C-alpha atoms as a PDB file:
ATOM      1  CA  MET A   1       0.000   0.000   0.000  1.00  0.00           C
ATOM      2  CA  PRO A   2       1.518   3.334  -0.960  1.00  0.00           C
ATOM      3  CA  LYS A   3       1.922   5.956   1.696  1.00  0.00           C
ATOM      4  CA  THR A   4      -0.070   9.120   1.228  1.00  0.00           C
ATOM      5  CA  ARG A   5       1.685  12.378   1.675  1.00  0.00           C
ATOM      6  CA  GLN A   6       0.306  14.758   4.200  1.00  0.00           C
ATOM      7  CA  LYS A   7      -0.334  18.264   3.010  1.00  0.00           C
ATOM      8  CA  ILE A   8       1.283  20.996   5.032  1.00  0.00           C
ATOM      9  CA  ASP A   9      -0.675  24.211   5.333  1.00  0.00           C
ATOM     10  CA  TYR A  10       1.786  27.084   4.889  1.00  0.00           C
ATOM     11  CA  GLU A  11      -1.009  29.644   4.710  1.00  0.00           C
ATOM     12  CA  GLY A  12      -1.408  30.006   8.485  1.00  0.00           C
ATOM     13  CA  GLN A  13       2.293  29.715   9.350  1.00  0.00           C
ATOM     14  CA  LEU A  14       3.971  32.833  10.724  1.00  0.00           C
ATOM     15  CA  SER A  15       7.383  33.997   9.580  1.00  0.00           C
ATOM     16  CA  ILE A  16      10.092  34.211  12.232  1.00  0.00           C
ATOM     17  CA  PHE A  17       9.750  38.008  12.272  1.00  0.00           C
ATOM     18  CA  GLU A  18       5.976  37.814  12.726  1.00  0.00           C
ATOM     19  CA  LEU A  19       6.455  35.330  15.561  1.00  0.00           C
ATOM     20  CA  ILE A  20       8.986  37.576  17.344  1.00  0.00           C
ATOM     21  CA  HIS A  21       6.691  40.576  16.883  1.00  0.00           C
ATOM     22  CA  LYS A  22       3.760  38.607  18.270  1.00  0.00           C
ATOM     23  CA  LEU A  23       5.809  37.450  21.283  1.00  0.00           C
ATOM     24  CA  THR A  24       7.073  40.967  22.038  1.00  0.00           C
ATOM     25  CA  GLU A  25       3.659  42.627  21.860  1.00  0.00           C
ATOM     26  CA  PRO A  26       2.504  43.476  25.359  1.00  0.00           C
ATOM     27  CA  GLU A  27      -0.601  41.561  26.319  1.00  0.00           C
ATOM     28  CA  GLU A  28      -3.612  43.267  27.812  1.00  0.00           C
ATOM     29  CA  SER A  29      -2.879  43.971  31.445  1.00  0.00           C
ATOM     30  CA  THR A  30      -4.489  41.646  33.915  1.00  0.00           C
ATOM     31  CA  GLU A  31      -4.277  41.673  37.664  1.00  0.00           C
ATOM     32  CA  ALA A  32      -0.933  40.438  39.035  1.00  0.00           C
ATOM     33  CA  GLN A  33       0.429  39.809  35.533  1.00  0.00           C
ATOM     34  CA  TYR A  34       3.703  41.418  36.554  1.00  0.00           C
ATOM     35  CA  LYS A  35       4.048  39.656  39.900  1.00  0.00           C
ATOM     36  CA  ILE A  36       7.054  37.569  38.894  1.00  0.00           C
ATOM     37  CA  ILE A  37       8.765  37.081  42.241  1.00  0.00           C
ATOM     38  CA  ASP A  38       8.241  33.312  42.224  1.00  0.00           C
ATOM     39  CA  GLN A  39       9.756  33.039  38.749  1.00  0.00           C
ATOM     40  CA  LEU A  40      12.608  35.323  39.779  1.00  0.00           C
ATOM     41  CA  ARG A  41      13.315  33.269  42.912  1.00  0.00           C
ATOM     42  CA  ALA A  42      13.297  30.083  40.855  1.00  0.00           C
ATOM     43  CA  ALA A  43      15.728  31.628  38.343  1.00  0.00           C
ATOM     44  CA  ILE A  44      18.041  32.753  41.158  1.00  0.00           C
ATOM     45  CA  ARG A  45      17.935  29.304  42.782  1.00  0.00           C
ATOM     46  CA  ASN A  46      18.651  27.674  39.410  1.00  0.00           C
ATOM     47  CA  ALA A  47      21.567  30.042  38.741  1.00  0.00           C
ATOM     48  CA  ILE A  48      23.059  29.174  42.140  1.00  0.00           C
ATOM     49  CA  LYS A  49      22.642  25.431  41.511  1.00  0.00           C
ATOM     50  CA  GLN A  50      24.288  25.675  38.087  1.00  0.00           C
ATOM     51  CA  SER A  51      27.165  27.793  39.378  1.00  0.00           C
ATOM     52  CA  PRO A  52      30.319  26.032  40.571  1.00  0.00           C
ATOM     53  CA  LEU A  53      30.553  28.617  43.379  1.00  0.00           C
ATOM     54  CA  THR A  54      29.129  28.315  46.876  1.00  0.00           C
ATOM     55  CA  ARG A  55      26.707  30.914  48.205  1.00  0.00           C
ATOM     56  CA  HIS A  56      29.545  32.370  50.309  1.00  0.00           C
ATOM     57  CA  GLN A  57      31.724  32.747  47.207  1.00  0.00           C
ATOM     58  CA  ILE A  58      28.854  34.287  45.229  1.00  0.00           C
ATOM     59  CA  ALA A  59      28.276  36.793  48.052  1.00  0.00           C
ATOM     60  CA  GLY A  60      31.981  37.633  48.195  1.00  0.00           C
ATOM     61  CA  GLN A  61      32.298  38.255  44.477  1.00  0.00           C
ATOM     62  CA  MET A  62      29.067  40.249  44.387  1.00  0.00           C
ATOM     63  CA  SER A  63      30.417  42.386  47.256  1.00  0.00           C
ATOM     64  CA  HIS A  64      33.530  43.059  45.214  1.00  0.00           C
ATOM     65  CA  PHE A  65      31.573  44.078  42.105  1.00  0.00           C
ATOM     66  CA  LEU A  66      29.024  46.195  43.995  1.00  0.00           C
ATOM     67  CA  GLY A  67      31.378  47.856  46.467  1.00  0.00           C
ATOM     68  CA  ARG A  68      29.103  46.921  49.395  1.00  0.00           C
ATOM     69  CA  THR A  69      28.805  43.893  51.597  1.00  0.00           C
ATOM     70  CA  ILE A  70      26.547  41.101  50.417  1.00  0.00           C
ATOM     71  CA  THR A  71      26.151  38.151  52.779  1.00  0.00           C
ATOM     72  CA  LYS A  72      25.169  34.539  52.253  1.00  0.00           C
ATOM     73  CA  GLU A  73      22.167  35.220  54.480  1.00  0.00           C
ATOM     74  CA  GLN A  74      20.974  37.911  52.082  1.00  0.00           C
ATOM     75  CA  ILE A  75      21.218  35.491  49.178  1.00  0.00           C
ATOM     76  CA  ASP A  76      19.326  32.911  51.245  1.00  0.00           C
ATOM     77  CA  SER A  77      16.571  35.443  51.935  1.00  0.00           C
ATOM     78  CA  TRP A  78      16.247  36.266  48.205  1.00  0.00           C
ATOM     79  CA  THR A  79      15.588  32.610  47.391  1.00  0.00           C
ATOM     80  CA  ARG A  80      13.356  31.684  50.347  1.00  0.00           C
ATOM     81  CA  ASP A  81       9.543  31.578  50.003  1.00  0.00           C
ATOM     82  CA  SER A  82       8.917  30.552  53.613  1.00  0.00           C
ATOM     83  CA  ASP A  83       8.906  34.137  54.926  1.00  0.00           C
ATOM     84  CA  GLU A  84       5.648  34.965  53.164  1.00  0.00           C
ATOM     85  CA  ARG A  85       4.088  31.690  54.255  1.00  0.00           C
ATOM     86  CA  HIS A  86       4.822  32.508  57.900  1.00  0.00           C
ATOM     87  CA  GLY A  87       3.359  36.016  57.741  1.00  0.00           C
ATOM     88  CA  ARG A  88       6.650  37.893  57.395  1.00  0.00           C
ATOM     89  CA  PRO A  89       7.283  40.085  54.373  1.00  0.00           C
ATOM     90  CA  GLY A  90       9.353  38.344  51.721  1.00  0.00           C
ATOM     91  CA  ARG A  91      12.746  39.718  50.764  1.00  0.00           C
ATOM     92  CA  HIS A  92      13.578  40.447  47.143  1.00  0.00           C
ATOM     93  CA  ILE A  93      16.886  40.928  45.412  1.00  0.00           C
ATOM     94  CA  PRO A  94      17.318  44.607  44.575  1.00  0.00           C
ATOM     95  CA  ALA A  95      17.312  45.196  40.818  1.00  0.00           C
ATOM     96  CA  GLU A  96      20.654  47.004  41.043  1.00  0.00           C
ATOM     97  CA  TYR A  97      22.239  43.751  42.339  1.00  0.00           C
ATOM     98  CA  LEU A  98      21.014  41.580  39.461  1.00  0.00           C
ATOM     99  CA  PRO A  99      23.800  42.395  36.975  1.00  0.00           C
ATOM    100  CA  ALA A 100      26.465  41.494  39.558  1.00  0.00           C
ATOM    101  CA  PHE A 101      24.603  38.315  40.520  1.00  0.00           C
ATOM    102  CA  CYS A 102      24.298  37.272  36.864  1.00  0.00           C
ATOM    103  CA  ARG A 103      27.955  38.030  36.179  1.00  0.00           C
ATOM    104  CA  VAL A 104      29.137  36.028  39.198  1.00  0.00           C
ATOM    105  CA  THR A 105      26.906  32.993  38.582  1.00  0.00           C
ATOM    106  CA  GLY A 106      27.292  33.077  34.800  1.00  0.00           C
ATOM    107  CA  SER A 107      23.509  32.934  34.340  1.00  0.00           C
ATOM    108  CA  ASN A 108      21.278  35.528  32.711  1.00  0.00           C
ATOM    109  CA  GLY A 109      18.181  33.671  33.892  1.00  0.00           C
ATOM    110  CA  PRO A 110      16.984  36.251  36.446  1.00  0.00           C
ATOM    111  CA  ILE A 111      17.310  39.131  33.984  1.00  0.00           C
ATOM    112  CA  ALA A 112      15.672  37.000  31.273  1.00  0.00           C
ATOM    113  CA  VAL A 113      12.647  36.500  33.566  1.00  0.00           C
ATOM    114  CA  MET A 114      12.279  40.247  33.899  1.00  0.00           C
ATOM    115  CA  GLY A 115      12.796  40.815  30.170  1.00  0.00           C
ATOM    116  CA  ARG A 116      10.242  38.191  29.132  1.00  0.00           C
ATOM    117  CA  THR A 117       7.645  39.892  31.283  1.00  0.00           C
ATOM    118  CA  VAL A 118       7.786  43.004  29.106  1.00  0.00           C
ATOM    119  CA  GLY A 119       8.374  41.193  25.816  1.00  0.00           C
ATOM    120  CA  LEU A 120      12.163  41.400  25.533  1.00  0.00           C
ATOM    121  CA  PHE A 121      14.622  38.656  24.676  1.00  0.00           C
ATOM    122  CA  VAL A 122      17.896  38.439  26.586  1.00  0.00           C
ATOM    123  CA  LEU A 123      20.779  37.089  24.550  1.00  0.00           C
ATOM    124  CA  PRO A 124      24.326  36.476  25.761  1.00  0.00           C
ATOM    125  CA  GLY A 125      27.046  38.803  24.526  1.00  0.00           C
ATOM    126  CA  PRO A 126      29.915  37.729  22.280  1.00  0.00           C
ATOM    127  CA  GLU A 127      32.263  36.987  25.190  1.00  0.00           C
ATOM    128  CA  ALA A 128      29.676  34.767  26.861  1.00  0.00           C
ATOM    129  CA  LEU A 129      29.107  32.927  23.597  1.00  0.00           C
ATOM    130  CA  ARG A 130      32.854  32.448  23.138  1.00  0.00           C
ATOM    131  CA  ALA A 131      33.139  31.059  26.663  1.00  0.00           C
ATOM    132  CA  GLU A 132      30.227  28.699  26.039  1.00  0.00           C
ATOM    133  CA  ILE A 133      31.765  27.555  22.739  1.00  0.00           C
ATOM    134  CA  GLN A 134      35.081  26.921  24.537  1.00  0.00           C
ATOM    135  CA  ARG A 135      33.277  24.888  27.205  1.00  0.00           C
ATOM    136  CA  LEU A 136      31.491  22.863  24.524  1.00  0.00           C
ATOM    137  CA  ASP A 137      34.802  22.242  22.718  1.00  0.00           C
ATOM    138  CA  GLU A 138      36.308  20.933  25.954  1.00  0.00           C
ATOM    139  CA  GLU A 139      33.311  18.645  26.491  1.00  0.00           C
ATOM    140  CA  ILE A 140      33.671  17.347  22.920  1.00  0.00           C
ATOM    141  CA  LYS A 141      37.365  16.581  23.505  1.00  0.00           C
ATOM    142  CA  GLN A 142      36.522  14.716  26.724  1.00  0.00           C
ATOM    143  CA  VAL A 143      33.815  12.663  25.003  1.00  0.00           C
ATOM    144  CA  GLN A 144      36.148  11.871  22.096  1.00  0.00           C
ATOM    145  CA  ALA A 145      38.860  10.737  24.521  1.00  0.00           C
ATOM    146  CA  ARG A 146      36.369   8.437  26.293  1.00  0.00           C
ATOM    147  CA  ARG A 147      35.254   7.098  22.903  1.00  0.00           C
ATOM    148  CA  ARG A 148      38.851   6.343  21.880  1.00  0.00           C
ATOM    149  CA  LYS A 149      39.454   4.492  25.168  1.00  0.00           C
ATOM    150  CA  ARG A 150      36.347   2.379  24.639  1.00  0.00           C
ATOM    151  CA  LEU A 151      37.346   1.590  21.052  1.00  0.00           C
ATOM    152  CA  LEU A 152      40.771   0.453  22.232  1.00  0.00           C
ATOM    153  CA  PHE A 153      39.182  -1.644  24.955  1.00  0.00           C
ATOM    154  CA  LEU A 154      36.814  -3.179  22.404  1.00  0.00           C
ATOM    155  CA  LYS A 155      39.708  -4.006  20.069  1.00  0.00           C
ATOM    156  CA  GLU A 156      41.568  -5.639  22.955  1.00  0.00           C
ATOM    157  CA  MET A 157      38.502  -7.648  23.901  1.00  0.00           C
ATOM    158  CA  GLU A 158      37.883  -8.753  20.322  1.00  0.00           C
ATOM    159  CA  GLY A 159      41.550  -9.603  19.839  1.00  0.00           C
ATOM    160  CA  ASP A 160      41.590 -11.749  22.991  1.00  0.00           C
ATOM    161  CA  GLY A 161      38.321 -13.366  21.975  1.00  0.00           C
ATOM    162  CA  ARG A 162      39.672 -14.305  18.551  1.00  0.00           C
ATOM    163  CA  LYS A 163      42.782 -15.820  20.069  1.00  0.00           C
ATOM    164  CA  GLU A 164      40.651 -17.799  22.513  1.00  0.00           C
ATOM    165  CA  ARG A 165      38.336 -19.049  19.720  1.00  0.00           C
ATOM    166  CA  ARG A 166      41.292 -20.076  17.530  1.00  0.00           C
ATOM    167  CA  ARG A 167      42.858 -21.968  20.435  1.00  0.00           C
ATOM    168  CA  HIS A 168      39.671 -24.010  20.807  1.00  0.00           C
ATOM    169  CA  GLY A 169      39.383 -24.575  17.044  1.00  0.00           C
ATOM    170  CA  ILE A 170      36.403 -22.252  16.572  1.00  0.00           C
ATOM    171  CA  PRO A 171      36.602 -19.981  13.501  1.00  0.00           C
END
């Protein structure tokens, strides 16, 4: 039975520019549409998890970049939801600290959350892309080295197996 080809409707498909325009158009304002603290906290927590630095190290480097003392406890308070659940006002990271936090952790996630809310896209700069490409190149080299080791091991196993089969008269 021959396969029938499915027709693809290109009439309703948006171009990439139309899609970007549609995504960047502000939606009609609804109540609490811009209350993004939970998303921001999640992005900060994710950035900390992905960073090789501890919270103490992040605080220290942020202090250096900002010229004021940032403590681990402050970072903890920016990521904790339990304050609001227990009737205490929640703490938020000040917007002026976000660039330093993103630079230290290597994540633009928190700023991307804020940008998405108003229809902006946050893209990494050329230096960040170069660093990511370098990291990917290193990962590729590591994977290739593991592959070569496994190929050598396989050749050794097959070579030993052939010798063993020949010794027992098996082709």
